[in-house]
């Protein structure tokens, strides 16, 4: 395929075809025309995925729970780092977002990505106030 023939990806079918073409060319030598084609297709596929297949980061409390399961630590270990088991429980329940200090601890000590800790905010539903 000529590089000039490559067009923007607009449909799911074009996306699938571009992905398959990239896989077929995966072992092409560096500097070859096929490698240039892969590079161009990669940019187009990435752009299409960003627009149509985007995966949002988890809510902070979901990211913390996942890392706890993955790392094999419990609420007491989390509470010890945050200096309060109560605060740790509030975070895990999604009742409040982590403070800046907690974000730094969770990222630094537990390796939870900042994007996950800052991303979507609090998952608690808004309650109606009596008038």
N, C-alpha and C. Protein backbone atom coordinates (compact mmCIF):
# COMPACT_ATOMS: atom_id res chain seq x y z
N UNK A 1 0.85 -1.19 0.00
CA UNK A 1 0.00 0.00 0.00
C UNK A 1 0.89 1.24 0.00
N UNK A 2 0.55 2.22 -0.81
CA UNK A 2 1.26 3.49 -0.82
C UNK A 2 0.85 4.32 0.38
N UNK A 3 1.80 5.01 0.96
CA UNK A 3 1.49 5.85 2.11
C UNK A 3 0.49 6.94 1.75
N UNK A 4 0.52 7.38 0.49
CA UNK A 4 -0.40 8.42 0.05
C UNK A 4 -1.85 7.93 0.01
N UNK A 5 -2.04 6.61 -0.05
CA UNK A 5 -3.39 6.03 -0.12
C UNK A 5 -4.05 5.90 1.26
N UNK A 6 -3.30 6.09 2.31
CA UNK A 6 -3.85 5.95 3.66
C UNK A 6 -4.66 7.18 4.00
N UNK A 7 -5.88 6.95 4.46
CA UNK A 7 -6.84 8.03 4.77
C UNK A 7 -7.24 7.96 6.24
N UNK A 8 -7.84 9.02 6.75
CA UNK A 8 -8.33 8.99 8.13
C UNK A 8 -9.32 7.84 8.36
N UNK A 9 -9.32 7.31 9.56
CA UNK A 9 -10.23 6.22 9.93
C UNK A 9 -11.52 6.84 10.43
N UNK A 10 -12.64 6.47 9.77
CA UNK A 10 -13.93 7.07 10.12
C UNK A 10 -14.97 6.05 10.59
N UNK A 11 -14.74 4.79 10.29
CA UNK A 11 -15.72 3.76 10.66
C UNK A 11 -15.05 2.64 11.44
N UNK A 12 -15.86 1.84 12.09
CA UNK A 12 -15.35 0.69 12.83
C UNK A 12 -14.69 -0.31 11.89
N UNK A 13 -15.23 -0.46 10.69
CA UNK A 13 -14.65 -1.37 9.71
C UNK A 13 -13.26 -0.90 9.29
N UNK A 14 -13.11 0.40 9.04
CA UNK A 14 -11.79 0.95 8.69
C UNK A 14 -10.81 0.79 9.86
N UNK A 15 -11.30 0.95 11.06
CA UNK A 15 -10.49 0.76 12.26
C UNK A 15 -9.98 -0.69 12.34
N UNK A 16 -10.89 -1.64 12.15
CA UNK A 16 -10.51 -3.06 12.19
C UNK A 16 -9.49 -3.38 11.10
N UNK A 17 -9.72 -2.86 9.91
CA UNK A 17 -8.81 -3.12 8.78
C UNK A 17 -7.42 -2.53 9.07
N UNK A 18 -7.38 -1.34 9.62
CA UNK A 18 -6.09 -0.71 9.94
C UNK A 18 -5.37 -1.50 11.03
N UNK A 19 -6.10 -1.97 12.03
CA UNK A 19 -5.50 -2.76 13.10
C UNK A 19 -4.93 -4.07 12.56
N UNK A 20 -5.69 -4.71 11.69
CA UNK A 20 -5.23 -5.96 11.07
C UNK A 20 -4.00 -5.72 10.21
N UNK A 21 -3.99 -4.63 9.47
CA UNK A 21 -2.83 -4.30 8.62
C UNK A 21 -1.59 -4.07 9.47
N UNK A 22 -1.75 -3.37 10.59
CA UNK A 22 -0.63 -3.14 11.48
C UNK A 22 -0.08 -4.46 12.02
N UNK A 23 -0.97 -5.36 12.39
CA UNK A 23 -0.54 -6.67 12.90
C UNK A 23 0.21 -7.45 11.82
N UNK A 24 -0.26 -7.35 10.60
CA UNK A 24 0.38 -8.08 9.50
C UNK A 24 1.79 -7.55 9.22
N UNK A 25 2.01 -6.27 9.50
CA UNK A 25 3.30 -5.64 9.22
C UNK A 25 4.20 -5.56 10.45
N UNK A 26 3.78 -6.16 11.54
CA UNK A 26 4.46 -6.00 12.84
C UNK A 26 5.95 -6.33 12.81
N UNK A 27 6.37 -7.28 12.00
CA UNK A 27 7.78 -7.69 11.99
C UNK A 27 8.59 -7.02 10.89
N UNK A 28 8.10 -5.93 10.36
CA UNK A 28 8.81 -5.22 9.30
C UNK A 28 10.09 -4.60 9.85
N UNK A 29 11.14 -4.58 9.05
CA UNK A 29 12.40 -4.01 9.52
C UNK A 29 12.32 -2.49 9.68
N UNK A 30 13.08 -1.99 10.65
CA UNK A 30 13.13 -0.55 10.89
C UNK A 30 13.60 0.17 9.64
N UNK A 31 12.98 1.31 9.36
CA UNK A 31 13.37 2.12 8.21
C UNK A 31 12.72 1.72 6.90
N UNK A 32 11.99 0.62 6.89
CA UNK A 32 11.34 0.17 5.66
C UNK A 32 10.05 0.95 5.41
N UNK A 33 9.55 0.85 4.19
CA UNK A 33 8.27 1.49 3.86
C UNK A 33 7.14 0.91 4.71
N UNK A 34 7.22 -0.40 4.99
CA UNK A 34 6.20 -1.03 5.83
C UNK A 34 6.20 -0.45 7.24
N UNK A 35 7.39 -0.17 7.76
CA UNK A 35 7.50 0.42 9.10
C UNK A 35 6.92 1.84 9.09
N UNK A 36 7.14 2.58 8.02
CA UNK A 36 6.55 3.92 7.89
C UNK A 36 5.03 3.82 7.85
N UNK A 37 4.53 2.78 7.16
CA UNK A 37 3.09 2.56 7.09
C UNK A 37 2.53 2.25 8.49
N UNK A 38 3.22 1.42 9.24
CA UNK A 38 2.79 1.11 10.61
C UNK A 38 2.73 2.38 11.44
N UNK A 39 3.75 3.21 11.35
CA UNK A 39 3.79 4.45 12.13
C UNK A 39 2.60 5.35 11.81
N UNK A 40 2.30 5.48 10.53
CA UNK A 40 1.17 6.31 10.11
C UNK A 40 -0.16 5.69 10.58
N UNK A 41 -0.31 4.38 10.38
CA UNK A 41 -1.53 3.70 10.81
C UNK A 41 -1.70 3.80 12.32
N UNK A 42 -0.61 3.69 13.05
CA UNK A 42 -0.66 3.79 14.51
C UNK A 42 -1.27 5.13 14.93
N UNK A 43 -0.82 6.20 14.33
CA UNK A 43 -1.35 7.54 14.65
C UNK A 43 -2.85 7.62 14.35
N UNK A 44 -3.25 7.07 13.22
CA UNK A 44 -4.67 7.10 12.84
C UNK A 44 -5.51 6.23 13.76
N UNK A 45 -5.01 5.05 14.10
CA UNK A 45 -5.73 4.14 15.01
C UNK A 45 -5.84 4.78 16.39
N UNK A 46 -4.76 5.35 16.86
CA UNK A 46 -4.77 5.99 18.18
C UNK A 46 -5.79 7.13 18.23
N UNK A 47 -5.84 7.94 17.19
CA UNK A 47 -6.80 9.03 17.12
C UNK A 47 -8.23 8.49 17.14
N UNK A 48 -8.48 7.46 16.37
CA UNK A 48 -9.83 6.86 16.32
C UNK A 48 -10.20 6.29 17.70
N UNK A 49 -9.26 5.60 18.34
CA UNK A 49 -9.54 5.02 19.66
C UNK A 49 -9.81 6.10 20.70
N UNK A 50 -9.07 7.19 20.64
CA UNK A 50 -9.30 8.28 21.58
C UNK A 50 -10.72 8.84 21.46
N UNK A 51 -11.25 8.85 20.25
CA UNK A 51 -12.58 9.40 20.01
C UNK A 51 -13.69 8.39 20.22
N UNK A 52 -13.44 7.10 19.95
CA UNK A 52 -14.51 6.11 19.93
C UNK A 52 -14.36 4.96 20.93
N UNK A 53 -13.18 4.75 21.46
CA UNK A 53 -12.94 3.62 22.36
C UNK A 53 -12.30 4.07 23.66
N UNK A 54 -12.54 5.29 24.02
CA UNK A 54 -11.90 5.88 25.20
C UNK A 54 -12.35 5.15 26.47
N UNK A 55 -11.39 4.89 27.33
CA UNK A 55 -11.68 4.29 28.62
C UNK A 55 -11.32 5.32 29.69
N UNK A 56 -12.32 5.76 30.41
CA UNK A 56 -12.09 6.75 31.45
C UNK A 56 -11.39 6.10 32.64
N UNK A 57 -10.59 6.89 33.36
CA UNK A 57 -9.94 6.33 34.55
C UNK A 57 -11.00 5.96 35.59
N UNK A 58 -10.66 5.03 36.49
CA UNK A 58 -11.64 4.66 37.52
C UNK A 58 -11.83 5.79 38.51
N UNK A 59 -12.90 5.69 39.28
CA UNK A 59 -13.10 6.63 40.38
C UNK A 59 -12.01 6.38 41.41
N UNK A 60 -11.64 7.39 42.18
CA UNK A 60 -10.55 7.22 43.15
C UNK A 60 -10.75 6.01 44.07
N UNK A 61 -11.94 5.84 44.61
CA UNK A 61 -12.14 4.73 45.55
C UNK A 61 -12.01 3.37 44.85
N UNK A 62 -12.39 3.30 43.57
CA UNK A 62 -12.22 2.05 42.82
C UNK A 62 -10.74 1.76 42.59
N UNK A 63 -9.97 2.79 42.29
CA UNK A 63 -8.53 2.62 42.06
C UNK A 63 -7.84 2.16 43.35
N UNK A 64 -8.25 2.72 44.48
CA UNK A 64 -7.65 2.34 45.76
C UNK A 64 -7.98 0.88 46.07
N UNK A 65 -9.24 0.50 45.91
CA UNK A 65 -9.65 -0.90 46.17
C UNK A 65 -8.88 -1.86 45.27
N UNK A 66 -8.76 -1.51 44.00
CA UNK A 66 -8.05 -2.36 43.06
C UNK A 66 -6.60 -2.55 43.50
N UNK A 67 -5.94 -1.46 43.88
CA UNK A 67 -4.53 -1.55 44.28
C UNK A 67 -4.39 -2.35 45.58
N UNK A 68 -5.38 -2.22 46.48
CA UNK A 68 -5.34 -3.00 47.71
C UNK A 68 -5.41 -4.50 47.39
N UNK A 69 -6.32 -4.87 46.49
CA UNK A 69 -6.44 -6.27 46.09
C UNK A 69 -5.17 -6.75 45.40
N UNK A 70 -4.67 -5.92 44.51
CA UNK A 70 -3.49 -6.26 43.72
C UNK A 70 -2.24 -6.37 44.61
N UNK A 71 -2.13 -5.45 45.57
CA UNK A 71 -0.94 -5.41 46.41
C UNK A 71 -1.03 -6.24 47.68
N UNK A 72 -2.23 -6.76 47.96
CA UNK A 72 -2.39 -7.60 49.12
C UNK A 72 -2.30 -6.87 50.45
N UNK A 73 -2.73 -5.61 50.49
CA UNK A 73 -2.74 -4.92 51.78
C UNK A 73 -4.18 -4.61 52.17
N UNK A 74 -4.38 -4.38 53.47
CA UNK A 74 -5.73 -4.23 54.00
C UNK A 74 -6.00 -2.81 54.47
N UNK A 75 -7.19 -2.62 55.03
CA UNK A 75 -7.64 -1.30 55.47
C UNK A 75 -6.74 -0.74 56.57
N UNK A 76 -6.21 -1.63 57.41
CA UNK A 76 -5.32 -1.17 58.48
C UNK A 76 -4.03 -0.59 57.92
N UNK A 77 -3.47 -1.24 56.91
CA UNK A 77 -2.25 -0.73 56.27
C UNK A 77 -2.52 0.60 55.59
N UNK A 78 -3.66 0.69 54.92
CA UNK A 78 -4.04 1.95 54.28
C UNK A 78 -4.24 3.03 55.33
N UNK A 79 -4.97 2.69 56.40
CA UNK A 79 -5.21 3.64 57.48
C UNK A 79 -3.93 4.10 58.15
N UNK A 80 -2.97 3.19 58.30
CA UNK A 80 -1.70 3.56 58.92
C UNK A 80 -0.98 4.62 58.08
N UNK A 81 -1.00 4.46 56.77
CA UNK A 81 -0.34 5.44 55.90
C UNK A 81 -1.09 6.77 55.88
N UNK A 82 -2.42 6.71 55.95
CA UNK A 82 -3.23 7.93 55.91
C UNK A 82 -3.44 8.53 57.31
N UNK A 83 -2.88 7.85 58.31
CA UNK A 83 -2.97 8.26 59.71
C UNK A 83 -4.36 8.18 60.29
N UNK A 84 -5.26 7.41 59.64
CA UNK A 84 -6.61 7.25 60.17
C UNK A 84 -7.34 6.16 59.40
N UNK A 85 -7.75 5.11 60.11
CA UNK A 85 -8.54 4.06 59.48
C UNK A 85 -9.89 4.63 59.06
N UNK A 86 -10.42 5.55 59.87
CA UNK A 86 -11.71 6.18 59.54
C UNK A 86 -11.62 6.90 58.19
N UNK A 87 -10.56 7.66 57.97
CA UNK A 87 -10.38 8.37 56.70
C UNK A 87 -10.23 7.38 55.55
N UNK A 88 -9.51 6.29 55.81
CA UNK A 88 -9.34 5.26 54.79
C UNK A 88 -10.69 4.66 54.41
N UNK A 89 -11.52 4.37 55.40
CA UNK A 89 -12.85 3.80 55.14
C UNK A 89 -13.72 4.77 54.35
N UNK A 90 -13.64 6.06 54.67
CA UNK A 90 -14.41 7.07 53.92
C UNK A 90 -13.99 7.10 52.46
N UNK A 91 -12.68 7.01 52.21
CA UNK A 91 -12.19 6.99 50.83
C UNK A 91 -12.68 5.76 50.10
N UNK A 92 -12.57 4.60 50.74
CA UNK A 92 -12.97 3.35 50.10
C UNK A 92 -14.46 3.29 49.81
N UNK A 93 -15.25 3.98 50.63
CA UNK A 93 -16.69 4.01 50.42
C UNK A 93 -17.07 5.04 49.35
N UNK A 94 -16.12 5.87 48.94
CA UNK A 94 -16.41 6.90 47.93
C UNK A 94 -17.18 8.07 48.50
N UNK A 95 -17.16 8.23 49.82
CA UNK A 95 -17.91 9.33 50.44
C UNK A 95 -17.23 10.68 50.27
N UNK A 96 -15.94 10.65 49.96
CA UNK A 96 -15.23 11.91 49.73
C UNK A 96 -14.02 11.64 48.85
N UNK A 97 -13.56 12.65 48.12
CA UNK A 97 -12.35 12.47 47.32
C UNK A 97 -11.12 12.57 48.22
N UNK A 98 -10.01 12.05 47.78
CA UNK A 98 -8.79 12.17 48.59
C UNK A 98 -8.29 13.61 48.61
N UNK A 99 -7.71 14.00 49.75
CA UNK A 99 -7.09 15.32 49.85
C UNK A 99 -5.78 15.31 49.06
N UNK A 100 -5.20 16.46 48.89
CA UNK A 100 -3.92 16.55 48.17
C UNK A 100 -2.87 15.70 48.88
N UNK A 101 -2.82 15.79 50.20
CA UNK A 101 -1.85 14.99 50.97
C UNK A 101 -2.10 13.50 50.77
N UNK A 102 -3.36 13.09 50.78
CA UNK A 102 -3.70 11.68 50.57
C UNK A 102 -3.34 11.22 49.16
N UNK A 103 -3.57 12.07 48.19
CA UNK A 103 -3.20 11.75 46.80
C UNK A 103 -1.71 11.47 46.71
N UNK A 104 -0.92 12.32 47.34
CA UNK A 104 0.54 12.14 47.31
C UNK A 104 0.96 10.84 47.99
N UNK A 105 0.32 10.51 49.11
CA UNK A 105 0.62 9.26 49.82
C UNK A 105 0.20 8.07 48.98
N UNK A 106 -1.02 8.10 48.46
CA UNK A 106 -1.53 6.97 47.68
C UNK A 106 -0.71 6.74 46.41
N UNK A 107 -0.27 7.82 45.80
CA UNK A 107 0.57 7.70 44.61
C UNK A 107 1.97 7.24 44.98
N UNK A 108 2.57 7.87 45.98
CA UNK A 108 3.95 7.57 46.35
C UNK A 108 4.14 6.21 47.01
N UNK A 109 3.30 5.89 47.97
CA UNK A 109 3.46 4.65 48.74
C UNK A 109 2.85 3.44 48.05
N UNK A 110 1.74 3.66 47.36
CA UNK A 110 1.01 2.53 46.79
C UNK A 110 1.04 2.49 45.26
N UNK A 111 1.60 3.52 44.64
CA UNK A 111 1.74 3.53 43.19
C UNK A 111 0.44 3.69 42.42
N UNK A 112 -0.57 4.27 43.05
CA UNK A 112 -1.84 4.49 42.36
C UNK A 112 -1.66 5.70 41.44
N UNK A 113 -1.96 5.57 40.16
CA UNK A 113 -1.74 6.67 39.22
C UNK A 113 -2.51 7.94 39.61
N UNK A 114 -1.85 9.07 39.43
CA UNK A 114 -2.49 10.36 39.74
C UNK A 114 -3.78 10.55 38.97
N UNK A 115 -3.80 10.13 37.72
CA UNK A 115 -5.00 10.28 36.90
C UNK A 115 -6.20 9.59 37.55
N UNK A 116 -5.97 8.44 38.17
CA UNK A 116 -7.05 7.71 38.83
C UNK A 116 -7.48 8.39 40.12
N UNK A 117 -6.55 9.02 40.80
CA UNK A 117 -6.87 9.65 42.07
C UNK A 117 -7.50 11.02 41.90
N UNK A 118 -7.26 11.67 40.78
CA UNK A 118 -7.77 13.02 40.56
C UNK A 118 -8.92 13.09 39.58
N UNK A 119 -9.08 12.05 38.77
CA UNK A 119 -9.96 12.05 37.63
C UNK A 119 -11.41 12.42 37.81
N UNK A 120 -12.22 11.49 38.23
CA UNK A 120 -13.66 11.64 38.12
C UNK A 120 -14.37 12.23 39.33
N UNK A 121 -13.67 12.50 40.39
CA UNK A 121 -14.31 13.09 41.55
C UNK A 121 -15.06 12.08 42.39
N UNK A 122 -15.96 12.58 43.20
CA UNK A 122 -16.69 11.75 44.17
C UNK A 122 -17.84 11.04 43.50
N UNK A 123 -18.03 9.78 43.85
CA UNK A 123 -19.08 9.00 43.21
C UNK A 123 -20.39 9.02 43.98
N UNK A 124 -20.42 9.73 45.10
CA UNK A 124 -21.63 9.74 45.90
C UNK A 124 -22.73 10.52 45.21
N UNK A 125 -23.96 10.02 45.29
CA UNK A 125 -25.06 10.76 44.67
C UNK A 125 -25.36 12.01 45.47
N UNK A 126 -25.79 13.03 44.78
CA UNK A 126 -26.16 14.27 45.44
C UNK A 126 -27.49 14.08 46.15
N UNK A 127 -27.56 14.53 47.38
CA UNK A 127 -28.81 14.41 48.14
C UNK A 127 -29.59 15.71 48.02
N UNK A 128 -30.90 15.56 48.02
CA UNK A 128 -31.76 16.75 47.96
C UNK A 128 -31.89 17.35 49.34
N UNK A 129 -31.86 18.65 49.41
CA UNK A 129 -32.04 19.34 50.67
C UNK A 129 -33.49 19.72 50.84
N UNK A 130 -33.95 19.62 52.07
CA UNK A 130 -35.34 20.02 52.36
C UNK A 130 -35.48 21.52 52.25
N UNK A 131 -36.57 22.00 51.70
CA UNK A 131 -36.75 23.43 51.55
C UNK A 131 -37.46 24.01 52.73
